[in-house]
């Protein structure tokens, strides 16, 4: 196990009890704090895998405020410890994006399950975020234009090539109807090249493109959106035109 845990609790007896239980469960307690200010310092110094944070800390900074400050500098899952389960407190705590709550008094099983679920969810969120970042960087830098739209047809993503070909920046196109950005004329289907058309840019310029429209579906077959992938084939069209001209010039 050996995950590194920071405990923030202002009642000394409770803090020692939690520390003893965590060590007994196989966790590595990297530090303890009894105030919000100390929690912020200790979190930045130790960079724990998770933080058990008492909501009702005494002093100028309570547990919720301390969590807000910590989340500004690191992506650490925070689990709140509280004896107060009133709606107002929980609503305020929810804004900080906690990974769990443990209501006092608690037993070891509840504590362990909450910590393990928080660590697992954080790993999954981290993996998903990393995958999205890799995909985003890859899509932004490939040569073909890529435009993603949601299930209502609103633009969600455009890569650099798509911005160049359409004349639209993503910040201006986001949310607009995809076909007001990806404007096609003279659409034709060819047996070898797929779909071809003239793409009309924001400034009204036309250029020939080869394109595909791919629906994005979830595991239950629901269409979540569409991906348009396209490339400029101006040079290809010019080469074909030159080839036809040469053939006609040498025809008997």
Protein backbone atom coordinates (compact mmCIF):
# COMPACT_ATOMS: atom_id res chain seq x y z
CA UNK A 1 0.00 0.00 0.00
CA UNK A 2 2.37 2.70 1.31
CA UNK A 3 0.32 5.68 0.06
CA UNK A 4 1.42 8.92 1.68
CA UNK A 5 -1.27 10.63 3.79
CA UNK A 6 -1.33 14.06 5.45
CA UNK A 7 -3.67 14.39 8.44
CA UNK A 8 -5.17 17.77 9.35
CA UNK A 9 -7.04 17.68 12.69
CA UNK A 10 -7.09 20.19 15.55
CA UNK A 11 -8.10 17.77 18.32
CA UNK A 12 -4.88 16.13 19.52
CA UNK A 13 -6.49 12.91 20.77
CA UNK A 14 -8.46 12.44 17.53
CA UNK A 15 -5.35 13.19 15.45
CA UNK A 16 -3.28 10.58 17.30
CA UNK A 17 -6.10 8.05 16.91
CA UNK A 18 -6.34 8.63 13.16
CA UNK A 19 -2.57 8.47 12.78
CA UNK A 20 -2.42 5.17 14.66
CA UNK A 21 -5.23 3.69 12.60
CA UNK A 22 -3.70 4.74 9.29
CA UNK A 23 -0.32 3.29 10.20
CA UNK A 24 -2.06 0.09 11.25
CA UNK A 25 -3.78 -0.05 7.88
CA UNK A 26 -0.45 0.24 6.10
CA UNK A 27 -0.48 3.90 5.07
CA UNK A 28 2.52 6.19 5.37
CA UNK A 29 1.59 9.28 7.42
CA UNK A 30 3.92 11.96 6.01
CA UNK A 31 2.79 14.70 8.37
CA UNK A 32 0.13 16.15 10.60
CA UNK A 33 -1.26 19.66 11.04
CA UNK A 34 -3.67 21.26 13.49
CA UNK A 35 -4.43 24.58 11.73
CA UNK A 36 -5.37 25.62 8.22
CA UNK A 37 -2.18 27.65 7.83
CA UNK A 38 -0.03 24.69 8.90
CA UNK A 39 -1.97 22.38 6.58
CA UNK A 40 -1.15 24.56 3.56
CA UNK A 41 2.55 24.64 4.44
CA UNK A 42 2.73 20.89 5.14
CA UNK A 43 0.81 20.00 1.95
CA UNK A 44 3.20 22.03 -0.20
CA UNK A 45 6.24 20.57 1.59
CA UNK A 46 5.23 16.89 1.56
CA UNK A 47 3.08 16.59 -1.61
CA UNK A 48 1.02 13.71 -0.16
CA UNK A 49 -1.05 11.20 -2.13
CA UNK A 50 -4.13 12.23 -0.14
CA UNK A 51 -5.13 14.62 2.63
CA UNK A 52 -7.56 13.91 5.48
CA UNK A 53 -8.90 17.38 6.28
CA UNK A 54 -11.00 18.27 9.31
CA UNK A 55 -13.57 20.83 8.19
CA UNK A 56 -14.02 22.53 11.56
CA UNK A 57 -10.47 23.73 12.20
CA UNK A 58 -10.11 26.49 14.75
CA UNK A 59 -8.45 29.75 13.74
CA UNK A 60 -8.67 32.09 10.77
CA UNK A 61 -8.58 29.36 8.12
CA UNK A 62 -10.95 26.41 8.43
CA UNK A 63 -10.55 23.12 6.58
CA UNK A 64 -12.56 24.21 3.55
CA UNK A 65 -10.53 27.40 3.07
CA UNK A 66 -7.30 25.45 3.54
CA UNK A 67 -8.43 22.95 0.90
CA UNK A 68 -9.14 25.79 -1.53
CA UNK A 69 -5.62 27.13 -1.10
CA UNK A 70 -4.01 23.69 -1.45
CA UNK A 71 -5.91 22.94 -4.66
CA UNK A 72 -4.38 26.09 -6.21
CA UNK A 73 -0.90 24.55 -6.11
CA UNK A 74 -1.41 20.79 -6.36
CA UNK A 75 -3.79 18.12 -7.57
CA UNK A 76 -4.14 16.13 -4.34
CA UNK A 77 -7.36 14.32 -3.40
CA UNK A 78 -8.85 15.77 -0.22
CA UNK A 79 -11.14 13.80 2.08
CA UNK A 80 -13.09 15.80 4.62
CA UNK A 81 -13.43 14.74 8.25
CA UNK A 82 -16.42 16.29 9.94
CA UNK A 83 -18.85 15.87 12.80
CA UNK A 84 -21.10 18.43 11.15
CA UNK A 85 -23.25 17.15 8.29
CA UNK A 86 -25.51 20.20 7.85
CA UNK A 87 -26.44 21.10 4.28
CA UNK A 88 -24.84 24.56 4.32
CA UNK A 89 -21.43 23.19 5.33
CA UNK A 90 -21.59 20.32 2.83
CA UNK A 91 -22.61 22.65 0.00
CA UNK A 92 -19.68 24.93 0.77
CA UNK A 93 -17.33 21.96 0.97
CA UNK A 94 -18.60 20.54 -2.34
CA UNK A 95 -17.31 23.57 -4.24
CA UNK A 96 -13.71 22.53 -3.45
CA UNK A 97 -14.16 19.18 -5.25
CA UNK A 98 -13.52 16.75 -2.38
CA UNK A 99 -12.97 13.06 -3.06
CA UNK A 100 -14.97 11.92 -0.05
CA UNK A 101 -16.39 12.60 3.40
CA UNK A 102 -15.91 10.73 6.64
CA UNK A 103 -18.38 11.56 9.40
CA UNK A 104 -17.12 11.39 12.97
CA UNK A 105 -17.14 9.06 14.77
CA UNK A 106 -15.93 6.56 12.18
CA UNK A 107 -14.48 3.05 12.12
CA UNK A 108 -11.39 1.74 10.34
CA UNK A 109 -13.35 0.01 7.59
CA UNK A 110 -15.18 3.21 6.65
CA UNK A 111 -11.94 5.18 6.76
CA UNK A 112 -10.06 2.69 4.59
CA UNK A 113 -12.84 2.35 2.01
CA UNK A 114 -13.14 6.13 1.68
CA UNK A 115 -9.39 6.60 1.26
CA UNK A 116 -9.06 3.76 -1.27
CA UNK A 117 -12.01 5.03 -3.30
CA UNK A 118 -10.54 8.55 -3.29
CA UNK A 119 -7.12 7.30 -4.41
CA UNK A 120 -8.67 5.12 -7.13
CA UNK A 121 -10.91 7.92 -8.45
CA UNK A 122 -7.97 10.32 -8.45
CA UNK A 123 -5.84 7.87 -10.46
CA UNK A 124 -8.64 7.39 -12.97
CA UNK A 125 -9.20 11.14 -13.28
CA UNK A 126 -5.46 11.66 -13.71
CA UNK A 127 -5.20 8.98 -16.39
CA UNK A 128 -8.20 10.43 -18.23
CA UNK A 129 -6.75 13.94 -18.04
CA UNK A 130 -3.37 12.73 -19.31
CA UNK A 131 -5.02 10.85 -22.18
CA UNK A 132 -7.01 13.93 -23.15
CA UNK A 133 -3.88 16.08 -23.09
CA UNK A 134 -1.98 13.61 -25.28
CA UNK A 135 -4.90 13.44 -27.71
CA UNK A 136 -5.32 17.21 -27.73
CA UNK A 137 -1.64 17.84 -28.50
CA UNK A 138 -1.62 15.11 -31.17
CA UNK A 139 -4.75 16.41 -32.89
CA UNK A 140 -3.58 20.01 -32.80
CA UNK A 141 -0.35 19.15 -34.58
CA UNK A 142 -1.38 16.72 -37.32
CA UNK A 143 -1.52 17.97 -40.89
CA UNK A 144 -5.21 17.29 -41.52
CA UNK A 145 -7.90 19.63 -40.27
CA UNK A 146 -10.00 18.25 -37.40
CA UNK A 147 -13.27 19.71 -36.11
CA UNK A 148 -15.26 18.04 -33.33
CA UNK A 149 -18.89 18.93 -32.65
CA UNK A 150 -21.29 17.81 -29.91
CA UNK A 151 -24.62 16.04 -30.33
CA UNK A 152 -26.39 19.34 -31.03
CA UNK A 153 -23.88 20.31 -33.73
CA UNK A 154 -21.96 22.89 -31.71
CA UNK A 155 -18.21 23.17 -32.31
CA UNK A 156 -16.16 21.83 -29.38
CA UNK A 157 -12.67 21.51 -30.84
CA UNK A 158 -10.63 22.64 -33.83
CA UNK A 159 -6.97 21.92 -34.43
CA UNK A 160 -4.44 24.33 -35.92
CA UNK A 161 -4.88 22.99 -39.46
CA UNK A 162 -8.67 23.41 -39.24
CA UNK A 163 -8.27 26.99 -38.03
CA UNK A 164 -5.98 27.74 -40.97
CA UNK A 165 -8.20 26.12 -43.60
CA UNK A 166 -11.50 27.57 -42.35
CA UNK A 167 -10.17 30.97 -41.27
CA UNK A 168 -11.87 30.52 -37.88
CA UNK A 169 -10.10 30.52 -34.52
CA UNK A 170 -11.44 28.01 -32.01
CA UNK A 171 -12.18 30.76 -29.47
CA UNK A 172 -14.54 32.37 -32.00
CA UNK A 173 -16.01 29.16 -33.44
CA UNK A 174 -16.69 27.34 -30.14
CA UNK A 175 -20.40 26.66 -29.71
CA UNK A 176 -21.37 27.77 -33.21
CA UNK A 177 -23.11 25.39 -35.60
CA UNK A 178 -20.40 23.25 -37.18
CA UNK A 179 -21.72 23.76 -40.69
CA UNK A 180 -21.47 27.53 -40.35
CA UNK A 181 -17.73 26.96 -39.81
CA UNK A 182 -17.19 23.88 -41.99
CA UNK A 183 -19.00 25.32 -45.03
CA UNK A 184 -19.04 23.00 -48.04
CA UNK A 185 -20.08 23.53 -51.64
CA UNK A 186 -19.94 21.35 -54.77
CA UNK A 187 -19.99 18.16 -52.71
CA UNK A 188 -19.13 15.01 -54.64
CA UNK A 189 -18.36 11.40 -53.81
CA UNK A 190 -15.61 9.68 -55.72
CA UNK A 191 -15.05 5.90 -55.80
CA UNK A 192 -11.39 6.18 -54.75
CA UNK A 193 -10.94 9.43 -52.83
CA UNK A 194 -14.02 9.49 -50.64
CA UNK A 195 -15.87 12.77 -50.22
CA UNK A 196 -14.61 15.90 -51.94
CA UNK A 197 -15.97 19.42 -51.86
CA UNK A 198 -15.07 23.09 -51.91
CA UNK A 199 -14.47 24.47 -48.43
CA UNK A 200 -15.60 28.08 -48.06
CA UNK A 201 -13.49 29.93 -45.50
CA UNK A 202 -14.61 32.69 -43.17
CA UNK A 203 -13.29 35.25 -45.67
CA UNK A 204 -15.13 33.56 -48.56
CA UNK A 205 -12.11 31.85 -50.13
CA UNK A 206 -12.76 28.45 -51.70
CA UNK A 207 -10.38 25.54 -51.81
CA UNK A 208 -10.88 21.87 -52.73
CA UNK A 209 -10.72 19.39 -49.87
CA UNK A 210 -11.00 15.68 -49.27
CA UNK A 211 -13.02 14.97 -46.11
CA UNK A 212 -14.66 12.40 -43.83
CA UNK A 213 -17.47 12.83 -41.31
CA UNK A 214 -17.28 10.29 -38.50
CA UNK A 215 -20.03 9.95 -35.87
CA UNK A 216 -18.81 9.47 -32.29
CA UNK A 217 -20.93 6.95 -30.37
CA UNK A 218 -20.92 5.80 -26.76
CA UNK A 219 -21.06 2.16 -25.69
CA UNK A 220 -24.84 2.13 -26.08
CA UNK A 221 -24.89 3.47 -29.63
CA UNK A 222 -25.93 7.01 -28.71
CA UNK A 223 -24.35 9.59 -31.03
CA UNK A 224 -22.36 11.99 -28.87
CA UNK A 225 -21.09 14.15 -31.72
CA UNK A 226 -19.26 14.17 -35.02
CA UNK A 227 -15.63 14.48 -36.10
CA UNK A 228 -14.82 16.14 -39.43
CA UNK A 229 -11.36 15.28 -40.83
CA UNK A 230 -10.27 17.08 -43.97
CA UNK A 231 -7.23 18.11 -46.00
CA UNK A 232 -6.43 20.64 -48.69
CA UNK A 233 -6.12 18.96 -52.12
CA UNK A 234 -5.40 22.09 -54.15
CA UNK A 235 -2.04 20.72 -55.35
CA UNK A 236 -3.61 17.35 -56.20
CA UNK A 237 -6.35 19.03 -58.24
CA UNK A 238 -3.81 21.17 -60.04
CA UNK A 239 -1.70 18.11 -60.84
CA UNK A 240 -4.77 16.32 -62.23
CA UNK A 241 -5.61 19.36 -64.34
CA UNK A 242 -2.06 19.52 -65.69
CA UNK A 243 -2.15 15.81 -66.47
CA UNK A 244 -5.39 16.17 -68.41
CA UNK A 245 -3.96 19.12 -70.29
CA UNK A 246 -0.85 17.17 -71.29
CA UNK A 247 -2.97 14.23 -72.45
CA UNK A 248 -5.16 16.48 -74.56
CA UNK A 249 -2.11 18.23 -76.00
CA UNK A 250 -0.59 14.96 -77.22
CA UNK A 251 -3.84 13.38 -78.36
CA UNK A 252 -3.85 12.54 -82.11
